[in-house]
PDB file of N, CA and C in Angstrom:
ATOM      1  N   MET A   1      45.133-151.140 101.664  1.00  0.00           N
ATOM      2  CA  MET A   1      44.864-151.290 100.255  1.00  0.00           C
ATOM      3  C   MET A   1      46.168-151.293  99.448  1.00  0.00           C
ATOM      4  N   ALA A   2      47.137-150.474  99.850  1.00  0.00           N
ATOM      5  CA  ALA A   2      48.412-150.442  99.132  1.00  0.00           C
ATOM      6  C   ALA A   2      49.083-151.806  99.176  1.00  0.00           C
ATOM      7  N   LEU A   3      49.032-152.458 100.323  1.00  0.00           N
ATOM      8  CA  LEU A   3      49.645-153.781 100.456  1.00  0.00           C
ATOM      9  C   LEU A   3      48.977-154.787  99.524  1.00  0.00           C
ATOM     10  N   ALA A   4      47.657-154.716  99.404  1.00  0.00           N
ATOM     11  CA  ALA A   4      46.937-155.615  98.498  1.00  0.00           C
ATOM     12  C   ALA A   4      47.344-155.354  97.051  1.00  0.00           C
ATOM     13  N   LEU A   5      47.446-154.089  96.668  1.00  0.00           N
ATOM     14  CA  LEU A   5      47.854-153.758  95.300  1.00  0.00           C
ATOM     15  C   LEU A   5      49.274-154.233  95.021  1.00  0.00           C
ATOM     16  N   GLU A   6      50.135-154.129  96.007  1.00  0.00           N
ATOM     17  CA  GLU A   6      51.505-154.630  95.843  1.00  0.00           C
ATOM     18  C   GLU A   6      51.514-156.145  95.697  1.00  0.00           C
ATOM     19  N   GLY A   7      50.637-156.818  96.411  1.00  0.00           N
ATOM     20  CA  GLY A   7      50.505-158.266  96.256  1.00  0.00           C
ATOM     21  C   GLY A   7      50.026-158.637  94.864  1.00  0.00           C
ATOM     22  N   PHE A   8      49.018-157.902  94.381  1.00  0.00           N
ATOM     23  CA  PHE A   8      48.538-158.127  93.016  1.00  0.00           C
ATOM     24  C   PHE A   8      49.665-157.879  92.016  1.00  0.00           C
ATOM     25  N   ALA A   9      50.444-156.826  92.246  1.00  0.00           N
ATOM     26  CA  ALA A   9      51.557-156.509  91.350  1.00  0.00           C
ATOM     27  C   ALA A   9      52.552-157.663  91.297  1.00  0.00           C
ATOM     28  N   GLY A  10      52.833-158.256  92.440  1.00  0.00           N
ATOM     29  CA  GLY A  10      53.739-159.402  92.474  1.00  0.00           C
ATOM     30  C   GLY A  10      53.206-160.574  91.676  1.00  0.00           C
ATOM     31  N   ALA A  11      51.922-160.859  91.836  1.00  0.00           N
ATOM     32  CA  ALA A  11      51.311-161.963  91.091  1.00  0.00           C
ATOM     33  C   ALA A  11      51.325-161.679  89.595  1.00  0.00           C
ATOM     34  N   LEU A  12      51.040-160.442  89.221  1.00  0.00           N
ATOM     35  CA  LEU A  12      51.049-160.079  87.802  1.00  0.00           C
ATOM     36  C   LEU A  12      52.453-160.190  87.215  1.00  0.00           C
ATOM     37  N   ALA A  13      53.453-159.751  87.956  1.00  0.00           N
ATOM     38  CA  ALA A  13      54.834-159.845  87.465  1.00  0.00           C
ATOM     39  C   ALA A  13      55.237-161.299  87.264  1.00  0.00           C
ATOM     40  N   LEU A  14      54.851-162.154  88.203  1.00  0.00           N
ATOM     41  CA  LEU A  14      55.178-163.580  88.076  1.00  0.00           C
ATOM     42  C   LEU A  14      54.495-164.223  86.880  1.00  0.00           C
ATOM     43  N   SER A  15      53.324-163.707  86.511  1.00  0.00           N
ATOM     44  CA  SER A  15      52.600-164.276  85.372  1.00  0.00           C
ATOM     45  C   SER A  15      52.971-163.592  84.056  1.00  0.00           C
ATOM     46  N   GLY A  16      53.956-162.687  84.104  1.00  0.00           N
ATOM     47  CA  GLY A  16      54.434-162.049  82.887  1.00  0.00           C
ATOM     48  C   GLY A  16      53.713-160.770  82.513  1.00  0.00           C
ATOM     49  N   GLU A  17      52.784-160.322  83.326  1.00  0.00           N
ATOM     50  CA  GLU A  17      52.048-159.086  83.043  1.00  0.00           C
ATOM     51  C   GLU A  17      52.739-157.919  83.751  1.00  0.00           C
ATOM     52  N   CYS A  18      53.936-157.635  83.271  1.00  0.00           N
ATOM     53  CA  CYS A  18      54.811-156.694  83.968  1.00  0.00           C
ATOM     54  C   CYS A  18      54.374-155.243  83.827  1.00  0.00           C
ATOM     55  N   GLU A  19      53.714-154.894  82.741  1.00  0.00           N
ATOM     56  CA  GLU A  19      53.233-153.518  82.612  1.00  0.00           C
ATOM     57  C   GLU A  19      52.148-153.240  83.648  1.00  0.00           C
ATOM     58  N   ALA A  20      51.228-154.183  83.813  1.00  0.00           N
ATOM     59  CA  ALA A  20      50.188-154.040  84.834  1.00  0.00           C
ATOM     60  C   ALA A  20      50.812-154.026  86.227  1.00  0.00           C
ATOM     61  N   ALA A  21      51.833-154.843  86.435  1.00  0.00           N
ATOM     62  CA  ALA A  21      52.516-154.868  87.730  1.00  0.00           C
ATOM     63  C   ALA A  21      53.127-153.505  88.045  1.00  0.00           C
ATOM     64  N   ALA A  22      53.811-152.923  87.079  1.00  0.00           N
ATOM     65  CA  ALA A  22      54.424-151.609  87.285  1.00  0.00           C
ATOM     66  C   ALA A  22      53.362-150.552  87.567  1.00  0.00           C
ATOM     67  N   THR A  23      52.246-150.639  86.861  1.00  0.00           N
ATOM     68  CA  THR A  23      51.154-149.691  87.073  1.00  0.00           C
ATOM     69  C   THR A  23      50.628-149.785  88.497  1.00  0.00           C
ATOM     70  N   LEU A  24      50.397-151.004  88.975  1.00  0.00           N
ATOM     71  CA  LEU A  24      49.881-151.172  90.334  1.00  0.00           C
ATOM     72  C   LEU A  24      50.899-150.750  91.387  1.00  0.00           C
ATOM     73  N   LEU A  25      52.168-150.948  91.114  1.00  0.00           N
ATOM     74  CA  LEU A  25      53.186-150.453  92.047  1.00  0.00           C
ATOM     75  C   LEU A  25      53.110-148.930  92.161  1.00  0.00           C
ATOM     76  N   GLY A  26      52.888-148.271  91.042  1.00  0.00           N
ATOM     77  CA  GLY A  26      52.727-146.815  91.067  1.00  0.00           C
ATOM     78  C   GLY A  26      51.512-146.394  91.865  1.00  0.00           C
ATOM     79  N   THR A  27      50.406-147.108  91.682  1.00  0.00           N
ATOM     80  CA  THR A  27      49.189-146.796  92.427  1.00  0.00           C
ATOM     81  C   THR A  27      49.406-146.994  93.923  1.00  0.00           C
ATOM     82  N   ALA A  28      50.038-148.101  94.285  1.00  0.00           N
ATOM     83  CA  ALA A  28      50.296-148.381  95.701  1.00  0.00           C
ATOM     84  C   ALA A  28      51.182-147.305  96.320  1.00  0.00           C
ATOM     85  N   THR A  29      52.194-146.876  95.595  1.00  0.00           N
ATOM     86  CA  THR A  29      53.074-145.822  96.098  1.00  0.00           C
ATOM     87  C   THR A  29      52.300-144.528  96.316  1.00  0.00           C
ATOM     88  N   ALA A  30      51.452-144.169  95.346  1.00  0.00           N
ATOM     89  CA  ALA A  30      50.650-142.950  95.482  1.00  0.00           C
ATOM     90  C   ALA A  30      49.713-143.036  96.680  1.00  0.00           C
ATOM     91  N   LEU A  31      49.124-144.203  96.901  1.00  0.00           N
ATOM     92  CA  LEU A  31      48.248-144.380  98.062  1.00  0.00           C
ATOM     93  C   LEU A  31      49.019-144.206  99.362  1.00  0.00           C
ATOM     94  N   ARG A  32      50.181-144.825  99.431  1.00  0.00           N
ATOM     95  CA  ARG A  32      51.000-144.699 100.644  1.00  0.00           C
ATOM     96  C   ARG A  32      51.377-143.237 100.893  1.00  0.00           C
ATOM     97  N   GLU A  33      51.784-142.548  99.835  1.00  0.00           N
ATOM     98  CA  GLU A  33      52.185-141.150  99.988  1.00  0.00           C
ATOM     99  C   GLU A  33      51.013-140.278 100.417  1.00  0.00           C
ATOM    100  N   SER A  34      49.838-140.498  99.834  1.00  0.00           N
ATOM    101  CA  SER A  34      48.677-139.673 100.195  1.00  0.00           C
ATOM    102  C   SER A  34      48.234-139.921 101.632  1.00  0.00           C
ATOM    103  N   ALA A  35      48.496-141.111 102.138  1.00  0.00           N
ATOM    104  CA  ALA A  35      48.135-141.447 103.516  1.00  0.00           C
ATOM    105  C   ALA A  35      49.258-141.120 104.499  1.00  0.00           C
ATOM    106  N   GLY A  36      50.405-140.723 103.977  1.00  0.00           N
ATOM    107  CA  GLY A  36      51.548-140.452 104.842  1.00  0.00           C
ATOM    108  C   GLY A  36      52.139-141.714 105.444  1.00  0.00           C
ATOM    109  N   ALA A  37      51.933-142.834 104.757  1.00  0.00           N
ATOM    110  CA  ALA A  37      52.420-144.128 105.250  1.00  0.00           C
ATOM    111  C   ALA A  37      53.619-144.567 104.419  1.00  0.00           C
ATOM    112  N   SER A  38      54.630-145.047 105.078  1.00  0.00           N
ATOM    113  CA  SER A  38      55.807-145.531 104.359  1.00  0.00           C
ATOM    114  C   SER A  38      55.692-147.037 104.128  1.00  0.00           C
ATOM    115  N   LEU A  39      56.500-147.512 103.218  1.00  0.00           N
ATOM    116  CA  LEU A  39      56.556-148.942 102.937  1.00  0.00           C
ATOM    117  C   LEU A  39      57.277-149.625 104.094  1.00  0.00           C
ATOM    118  N   PRO A  40      56.634-150.591 104.742  1.00  0.00           N
ATOM    119  CA  PRO A  40      57.306-151.284 105.849  1.00  0.00           C
ATOM    120  C   PRO A  40      58.578-151.982 105.361  1.00  0.00           C
ATOM    121  N   GLN A  41      59.599-151.942 106.169  1.00  0.00           N
ATOM    122  CA  GLN A  41      60.876-152.562 105.803  1.00  0.00           C
ATOM    123  C   GLN A  41      60.697-154.031 105.431  1.00  0.00           C
ATOM    124  N   ALA A  42      59.802-154.715 106.117  1.00  0.00           N
ATOM    125  CA  ALA A  42      59.572-156.139 105.845  1.00  0.00           C
ATOM    126  C   ALA A  42      59.057-156.370 104.428  1.00  0.00           C
ATOM    127  N   GLU A  43      58.410-155.374 103.840  1.00  0.00           N
ATOM    128  CA  GLU A  43      57.860-155.505 102.486  1.00  0.00           C
ATOM    129  C   GLU A  43      58.810-154.982 101.415  1.00  0.00           C
ATOM    130  N   ARG A  44      59.771-154.185 101.817  1.00  0.00           N
ATOM    131  CA  ARG A  44      60.638-153.507 100.849  1.00  0.00           C
ATOM    132  C   ARG A  44      61.364-154.475  99.905  1.00  0.00           C
ATOM    133  N   ASP A  45      61.893-155.567 100.426  1.00  0.00           N
ATOM    134  CA  ASP A  45      62.605-156.522  99.569  1.00  0.00           C
ATOM    135  C   ASP A  45      61.677-157.128  98.526  1.00  0.00           C
ATOM    136  N   ASP A  46      60.450-157.450  98.928  1.00  0.00           N
ATOM    137  CA  ASP A  46      59.493-158.008  97.969  1.00  0.00           C
ATOM    138  C   ASP A  46      59.183-157.006  96.862  1.00  0.00           C
ATOM    139  N   ILE A  47      58.938-155.761  97.234  1.00  0.00           N
ATOM    140  CA  ILE A  47      58.619-154.733  96.247  1.00  0.00           C
ATOM    141  C   ILE A  47      59.820-154.484  95.339  1.00  0.00           C
ATOM    142  N   ASP A  48      61.008-154.504  95.892  1.00  0.00           N
ATOM    143  CA  ASP A  48      62.211-154.342  95.068  1.00  0.00           C
ATOM    144  C   ASP A  48      62.330-155.472  94.049  1.00  0.00           C
ATOM    145  N   ARG A  49      62.004-156.703  94.453  1.00  0.00           N
ATOM    146  CA  ARG A  49      62.063-157.840  93.522  1.00  0.00           C
ATOM    147  C   ARG A  49      61.015-157.705  92.417  1.00  0.00           C
ATOM    148  N   VAL A  50      59.802-157.320  92.794  1.00  0.00           N
ATOM    149  CA  VAL A  50      58.738-157.142  91.797  1.00  0.00           C
ATOM    150  C   VAL A  50      59.131-156.032  90.828  1.00  0.00           C
ATOM    151  N   SER A  51      59.634-154.934  91.359  1.00  0.00           N
ATOM    152  CA  SER A  51      60.067-153.821  90.507  1.00  0.00           C
ATOM    153  C   SER A  51      61.178-154.254  89.557  1.00  0.00           C
ATOM    154  N   ALA A  52      62.146-154.996  90.063  1.00  0.00           N
ATOM    155  CA  ALA A  52      63.261-155.456  89.228  1.00  0.00           C
ATOM    156  C   ALA A  52      62.775-156.393  88.130  1.00  0.00           C
ATOM    157  N   THR A  53      61.853-157.284  88.466  1.00  0.00           N
ATOM    158  CA  THR A  53      61.294-158.196  87.461  1.00  0.00           C
ATOM    159  C   THR A  53      60.601-157.411  86.360  1.00  0.00           C
ATOM    160  N   ALA A  54      59.779-156.444  86.756  1.00  0.00           N
ATOM    161  CA  ALA A  54      59.052-155.640  85.772  1.00  0.00           C
ATOM    162  C   ALA A  54      60.008-154.784  84.951  1.00  0.00           C
ATOM    163  N   ARG A  55      60.998-154.182  85.597  1.00  0.00           N
ATOM    164  CA  ARG A  55      61.976-153.352  84.876  1.00  0.00           C
ATOM    165  C   ARG A  55      62.759-154.179  83.860  1.00  0.00           C
ATOM    166  N   ASP A  56      63.182-155.363  84.275  1.00  0.00           N
ATOM    167  CA  ASP A  56      63.942-156.231  83.369  1.00  0.00           C
ATOM    168  C   ASP A  56      63.108-156.615  82.153  1.00  0.00           C
ATOM    169  N   ALA A  57      61.833-156.880  82.369  1.00  0.00           N
ATOM    170  CA  ALA A  57      60.958-157.301  81.274  1.00  0.00           C
ATOM    171  C   ALA A  57      60.587-156.142  80.352  1.00  0.00           C
ATOM    172  N   LEU A  58      60.369-154.972  80.930  1.00  0.00           N
ATOM    173  CA  LEU A  58      59.855-153.840  80.159  1.00  0.00           C
ATOM    174  C   LEU A  58      60.928-152.886  79.663  1.00  0.00           C
ATOM    175  N   GLY A  59      62.037-152.837  80.353  1.00  0.00           N
ATOM    176  CA  GLY A  59      63.013-151.781  80.111  1.00  0.00           C
ATOM    177  C   GLY A  59      62.645-150.579  80.966  1.00  0.00           C
ATOM    178  N   GLU A  60      63.626-149.742  81.216  1.00  0.00           N
ATOM    179  CA  GLU A  60      63.441-148.614  82.141  1.00  0.00           C
ATOM    180  C   GLU A  60      62.347-147.652  81.686  1.00  0.00           C
ATOM    181  N   GLU A  61      62.352-147.293  80.406  1.00  0.00           N
ATOM    182  CA  GLU A  61      61.397-146.293  79.917  1.00  0.00           C
ATOM    183  C   GLU A  61      59.949-146.779  80.033  1.00  0.00           C
ATOM    184  N   ARG A  62      59.675-147.992  79.590  1.00  0.00           N
ATOM    185  CA  ARG A  62      58.305-148.525  79.682  1.00  0.00           C
ATOM    186  C   ARG A  62      57.885-148.731  81.130  1.00  0.00           C
ATOM    187  N   PHE A  63      58.822-149.193  81.975  1.00  0.00           N
ATOM    188  CA  PHE A  63      58.503-149.359  83.388  1.00  0.00           C
ATOM    189  C   PHE A  63      58.101-148.020  83.993  1.00  0.00           C
ATOM    190  N   GLU A  64      58.917-146.993  83.782  1.00  0.00           N
ATOM    191  CA  GLU A  64      58.637-145.672  84.356  1.00  0.00           C
ATOM    192  C   GLU A  64      57.322-145.107  83.839  1.00  0.00           C
ATOM    193  N   PHE A  65      57.022-145.319  82.561  1.00  0.00           N
ATOM    194  CA  PHE A  65      55.755-144.839  82.002  1.00  0.00           C
ATOM    195  C   PHE A  65      54.579-145.515  82.704  1.00  0.00           C
ATOM    196  N   ALA A  66      54.633-146.840  82.833  1.00  0.00           N
ATOM    197  CA  ALA A  66      53.545-147.583  83.482  1.00  0.00           C
ATOM    198  C   ALA A  66      53.434-147.204  84.955  1.00  0.00           C
ATOM    199  N   TYR A  67      54.559-147.093  85.635  1.00  0.00           N
ATOM    200  CA  TYR A  67      54.574-146.722  87.049  1.00  0.00           C
ATOM    201  C   TYR A  67      53.946-145.342  87.238  1.00  0.00           C
ATOM    202  N   HIS A  68      54.368-144.390  86.419  1.00  0.00           N
ATOM    203  CA  HIS A  68      53.831-143.033  86.511  1.00  0.00           C
ATOM    204  C   HIS A  68      52.331-143.027  86.226  1.00  0.00           C
ATOM    205  N   HIS A  69      51.910-143.794  85.232  1.00  0.00           N
ATOM    206  CA  HIS A  69      50.474-143.919  84.933  1.00  0.00           C
ATOM    207  C   HIS A  69      49.737-144.415  86.175  1.00  0.00           C
ATOM    208  N   GLY A  70      50.321-145.356  86.872  1.00  0.00           N
ATOM    209  CA  GLY A  70      49.699-145.910  88.070  1.00  0.00           C
ATOM    210  C   GLY A  70      49.528-144.902  89.183  1.00  0.00           C
ATOM    211  N   THR A  71      50.420-143.926  89.262  1.00  0.00           N
ATOM    212  CA  THR A  71      50.304-142.934  90.337  1.00  0.00           C
ATOM    213  C   THR A  71      49.058-142.076  90.181  1.00  0.00           C
ATOM    214  N   ALA A  72      48.510-142.011  88.973  1.00  0.00           N
ATOM    215  CA  ALA A  72      47.313-141.203  88.721  1.00  0.00           C
ATOM    216  C   ALA A  72      46.054-142.054  88.558  1.00  0.00           C
ATOM    217  N   LEU A  73      46.191-143.355  88.675  1.00  0.00           N
ATOM    218  CA  LEU A  73      45.066-144.266  88.452  1.00  0.00           C
ATOM    219  C   LEU A  73      44.109-144.230  89.633  1.00  0.00           C
ATOM    220  N   ASP A  74      42.804-144.247  89.335  1.00  0.00           N
ATOM    221  CA  ASP A  74      41.840-144.284  90.434  1.00  0.00           C
ATOM    222  C   ASP A  74      41.815-145.685  91.039  1.00  0.00           C
ATOM    223  N   LEU A  75      41.429-145.745  92.283  1.00  0.00           N
ATOM    224  CA  LEU A  75      41.499-146.985  93.053  1.00  0.00           C
ATOM    225  C   LEU A  75      40.629-148.090  92.466  1.00  0.00           C
ATOM    226  N   ASP A  76      39.440-147.768  91.983  1.00  0.00           N
ATOM    227  CA  ASP A  76      38.566-148.796  91.412  1.00  0.00           C
ATOM    228  C   ASP A  76      39.192-149.439  90.182  1.00  0.00           C
ATOM    229  N   THR A  77      39.803-148.633  89.337  1.00  0.00           N
ATOM    230  CA  THR A  77      40.459-149.169  88.146  1.00  0.00           C
ATOM    231  C   THR A  77      41.649-150.037  88.535  1.00  0.00           C
ATOM    232  N   ALA A  78      42.421-149.580  89.508  1.00  0.00           N
ATOM    233  CA  ALA A  78      43.573-150.364  89.973  1.00  0.00           C
ATOM    234  C   ALA A  78      43.120-151.687  90.568  1.00  0.00           C
ATOM    235  N   ARG A  79      42.075-151.643  91.354  1.00  0.00           N
ATOM    236  CA  ARG A  79      41.561-152.868  91.972  1.00  0.00           C
ATOM    237  C   ARG A  79      41.095-153.851  90.894  1.00  0.00           C
ATOM    238  N   ALA A  80      40.382-153.350  89.893  1.00  0.00           N
ATOM    239  CA  ALA A  80      39.917-154.207  88.799  1.00  0.00           C
ATOM    240  C   ALA A  80      41.096-154.801  88.031  1.00  0.00           C
ATOM    241  N   MET A  81      42.139-154.017  87.845  1.00  0.00           N
ATOM    242  CA  MET A  81      43.333-154.502  87.148  1.00  0.00           C
ATOM    243  C   MET A  81      43.968-155.652  87.919  1.00  0.00           C
ATOM    244  N   GLY A  82      44.009-155.529  89.215  1.00  0.00           N
ATOM    245  CA  GLY A  82      44.603-156.574  90.042  1.00  0.00           C
ATOM    246  C   GLY A  82      43.773-157.837  90.106  1.00  0.00           C
ATOM    247  N   LEU A  83      42.473-157.709  89.932  1.00  0.00           N
ATOM    248  CA  LEU A  83      41.578-158.862  90.070  1.00  0.00           C
ATOM    249  C   LEU A  83      41.304-159.595  88.768  1.00  0.00           C
ATOM    250  N   ARG A  84      41.764-159.074  87.658  1.00  0.00           N
ATOM    251  CA  ARG A  84      41.422-159.741  86.387  1.00  0.00           C
ATOM    252  C   ARG A  84      42.156-161.018  86.189  1.00  0.00           C
TER     253      ARG A  84
END
């Protein structure tokens, strides 16, 4: 599920919805941490690019706020955000 949310985050960042992208990145990170799963190295570059795109668009403070919000977001809400 974390990988799917990261994919949604990438699509949202590309479409200019960087706040939603940052939020989903936070949710994906929280899911990985709760499962004890790390981000695969093969995915790390993609996530770094999505994060950089969102940070550049939002600025550090707004990015961190959205990301932190995502860490507390329930999975159903995150999934709906990615599918809209």
